[in-house]
Amino acid sequence: MALYITDECINCDVCEPECPNGAISQGDEIYIIDHELCTECVGHYDTSQCVDVCPVDCIPKDPNYVETQEELLEKYTILVAE
């Protein structure tokens, strides 16, 4: 399951550099996560780095993009092969 950033985001800039897949970018008002690139850090880390550093706890799992651990690992494998 990909993650997303809620409107509680304070634009603190700490999540973007933590993403190993480059899935986080500045949106019109808050940071956004590209669900096609988000693997919840599967393949890179044991935990989602953006969630770990977020000071306002505004990065939940996105119910619109449900993926299993196996699917996230497959996405990771494709992304690192590019």
C-alpha atoms as a PDB file:
ATOM      1  CA  MET A   1       0.000   0.000   0.000  1.00  0.00           C
ATOM      2  CA  ALA A   2       1.398   3.374  -0.904  1.00  0.00           C
ATOM      3  CA  LEU A   3       1.499   6.205   1.580  1.00  0.00           C
ATOM      4  CA  TYR A   4       0.031   9.678   1.243  1.00  0.00           C
ATOM      5  CA  ILE A   5       0.454  13.019   2.964  1.00  0.00           C
ATOM      6  CA  THR A   6      -2.574  14.602   4.608  1.00  0.00           C
ATOM      7  CA  ASP A   7      -3.434  18.288   4.738  1.00  0.00           C
ATOM      8  CA  GLU A   8      -1.926  18.365   8.223  1.00  0.00           C
ATOM      9  CA  CYS A   9       1.479  18.646   6.506  1.00  0.00           C
ATOM     10  CA  ILE A  10       3.429  21.694   7.697  1.00  0.00           C
ATOM     11  CA  ASN A  11       5.907  21.707   4.769  1.00  0.00           C
ATOM     12  CA  CYS A  12       8.841  21.126   7.091  1.00  0.00           C
ATOM     13  CA  ASP A  13      10.931  19.617   4.254  1.00  0.00           C
ATOM     14  CA  VAL A  14      12.188  16.601   6.229  1.00  0.00           C
ATOM     15  CA  CYS A  15      10.367  13.808   4.367  1.00  0.00           C
ATOM     16  CA  GLU A  16      11.446  14.504   0.781  1.00  0.00           C
ATOM     17  CA  PRO A  17      15.187  13.821   1.178  1.00  0.00           C
ATOM     18  CA  GLU A  18      14.460  10.653   3.183  1.00  0.00           C
ATOM     19  CA  CYS A  19      12.599   8.907   0.329  1.00  0.00           C
ATOM     20  CA  PRO A  20      14.927   6.415  -1.397  1.00  0.00           C
ATOM     21  CA  ASN A  21      12.627   6.176  -4.430  1.00  0.00           C
ATOM     22  CA  GLY A  22      12.116   9.900  -5.070  1.00  0.00           C
ATOM     23  CA  ALA A  23       8.372   9.450  -4.555  1.00  0.00           C
ATOM     24  CA  ILE A  24       7.918  12.622  -2.486  1.00  0.00           C
ATOM     25  CA  SER A  25       7.760  16.054  -4.103  1.00  0.00           C
ATOM     26  CA  GLN A  26       6.414  19.504  -3.341  1.00  0.00           C
ATOM     27  CA  GLY A  27       2.788  19.846  -4.438  1.00  0.00           C
ATOM     28  CA  ASP A  28       0.767  23.033  -4.843  1.00  0.00           C
ATOM     29  CA  GLU A  29       0.183  23.417  -1.110  1.00  0.00           C
ATOM     30  CA  ILE A  30       1.802  20.444   0.638  1.00  0.00           C
ATOM     31  CA  TYR A  31       4.181  17.627  -0.179  1.00  0.00           C
ATOM     32  CA  ILE A  32       2.745  14.737  -2.195  1.00  0.00           C
ATOM     33  CA  ILE A  33       3.690  11.088  -2.659  1.00  0.00           C
ATOM     34  CA  ASP A  34       3.645   9.435  -6.093  1.00  0.00           C
ATOM     35  CA  HIS A  35       1.963   6.085  -5.448  1.00  0.00           C
ATOM     36  CA  GLU A  36       3.713   4.596  -8.482  1.00  0.00           C
ATOM     37  CA  LEU A  37       7.099   5.173  -6.834  1.00  0.00           C
ATOM     38  CA  CYS A  38       6.195   4.576  -3.186  1.00  0.00           C
ATOM     39  CA  THR A  39       7.220   1.169  -1.833  1.00  0.00           C
ATOM     40  CA  GLU A  40       6.892   2.173   1.841  1.00  0.00           C
ATOM     41  CA  CYS A  41      10.692   1.782   1.769  1.00  0.00           C
ATOM     42  CA  VAL A  42      10.341  -1.990   1.252  1.00  0.00           C
ATOM     43  CA  GLY A  43      13.652  -3.191  -0.160  1.00  0.00           C
ATOM     44  CA  HIS A  44      15.533  -0.231   1.312  1.00  0.00           C
ATOM     45  CA  TYR A  45      14.618  -0.084   5.011  1.00  0.00           C
ATOM     46  CA  ASP A  46      12.573  -1.946   7.606  1.00  0.00           C
ATOM     47  CA  THR A  47      10.324   1.079   8.197  1.00  0.00           C
ATOM     48  CA  SER A  48       8.941   3.909   6.075  1.00  0.00           C
ATOM     49  CA  GLN A  49      11.508   6.663   6.450  1.00  0.00           C
ATOM     50  CA  CYS A  50       9.123   9.544   5.754  1.00  0.00           C
ATOM     51  CA  VAL A  51       6.772   8.310   8.482  1.00  0.00           C
ATOM     52  CA  ASP A  52       9.694   7.973  10.898  1.00  0.00           C
ATOM     53  CA  VAL A  53      10.836  11.594  10.441  1.00  0.00           C
ATOM     54  CA  CYS A  54       7.453  13.332  10.117  1.00  0.00           C
ATOM     55  CA  PRO A  55       7.003  15.607  13.146  1.00  0.00           C
ATOM     56  CA  VAL A  56       3.211  15.898  12.767  1.00  0.00           C
ATOM     57  CA  ASP A  57       2.325  12.277  11.948  1.00  0.00           C
ATOM     58  CA  CYS A  58       0.563  13.130   8.665  1.00  0.00           C
ATOM     59  CA  ILE A  59       1.663  10.202   6.468  1.00  0.00           C
ATOM     60  CA  PRO A  60      -0.780   7.282   6.715  1.00  0.00           C
ATOM     61  CA  LYS A  61      -1.253   4.341   4.362  1.00  0.00           C
ATOM     62  CA  ASP A  62      -3.331   5.216   1.314  1.00  0.00           C
ATOM     63  CA  PRO A  63      -6.456   3.035   1.191  1.00  0.00           C
ATOM     64  CA  ASN A  64      -6.797   3.842  -2.521  1.00  0.00           C
ATOM     65  CA  TYR A  65      -3.574   1.964  -3.336  1.00  0.00           C
ATOM     66  CA  VAL A  66      -3.601  -1.299  -1.417  1.00  0.00           C
ATOM     67  CA  GLU A  67      -0.507  -3.442  -2.044  1.00  0.00           C
ATOM     68  CA  THR A  68       0.883  -6.511  -0.309  1.00  0.00           C
ATOM     69  CA  GLN A  69       4.475  -6.746   0.915  1.00  0.00           C
ATOM     70  CA  GLU A  70       5.180  -8.967  -2.097  1.00  0.00           C
ATOM     71  CA  GLU A  71       3.770  -6.364  -4.496  1.00  0.00           C
ATOM     72  CA  LEU A  72       5.804  -3.606  -2.834  1.00  0.00           C
ATOM     73  CA  LEU A  73       8.955  -5.729  -3.128  1.00  0.00           C
ATOM     74  CA  GLU A  74       8.193  -6.380  -6.809  1.00  0.00           C
ATOM     75  CA  LYS A  75       7.747  -2.624  -7.373  1.00  0.00           C
ATOM     76  CA  TYR A  76      11.063  -2.007  -5.584  1.00  0.00           C
ATOM     77  CA  THR A  77      12.804  -4.573  -7.824  1.00  0.00           C
ATOM     78  CA  ILE A  78      11.464  -2.836 -10.947  1.00  0.00           C
ATOM     79  CA  LEU A  79      12.432   0.627  -9.694  1.00  0.00           C
ATOM     80  CA  VAL A  80      16.017  -0.282  -8.852  1.00  0.00           C
ATOM     81  CA  ALA A  81      16.449  -2.033 -12.205  1.00  0.00           C
ATOM     82  CA  GLU A  82      15.626   1.163 -14.125  1.00  0.00           C
END
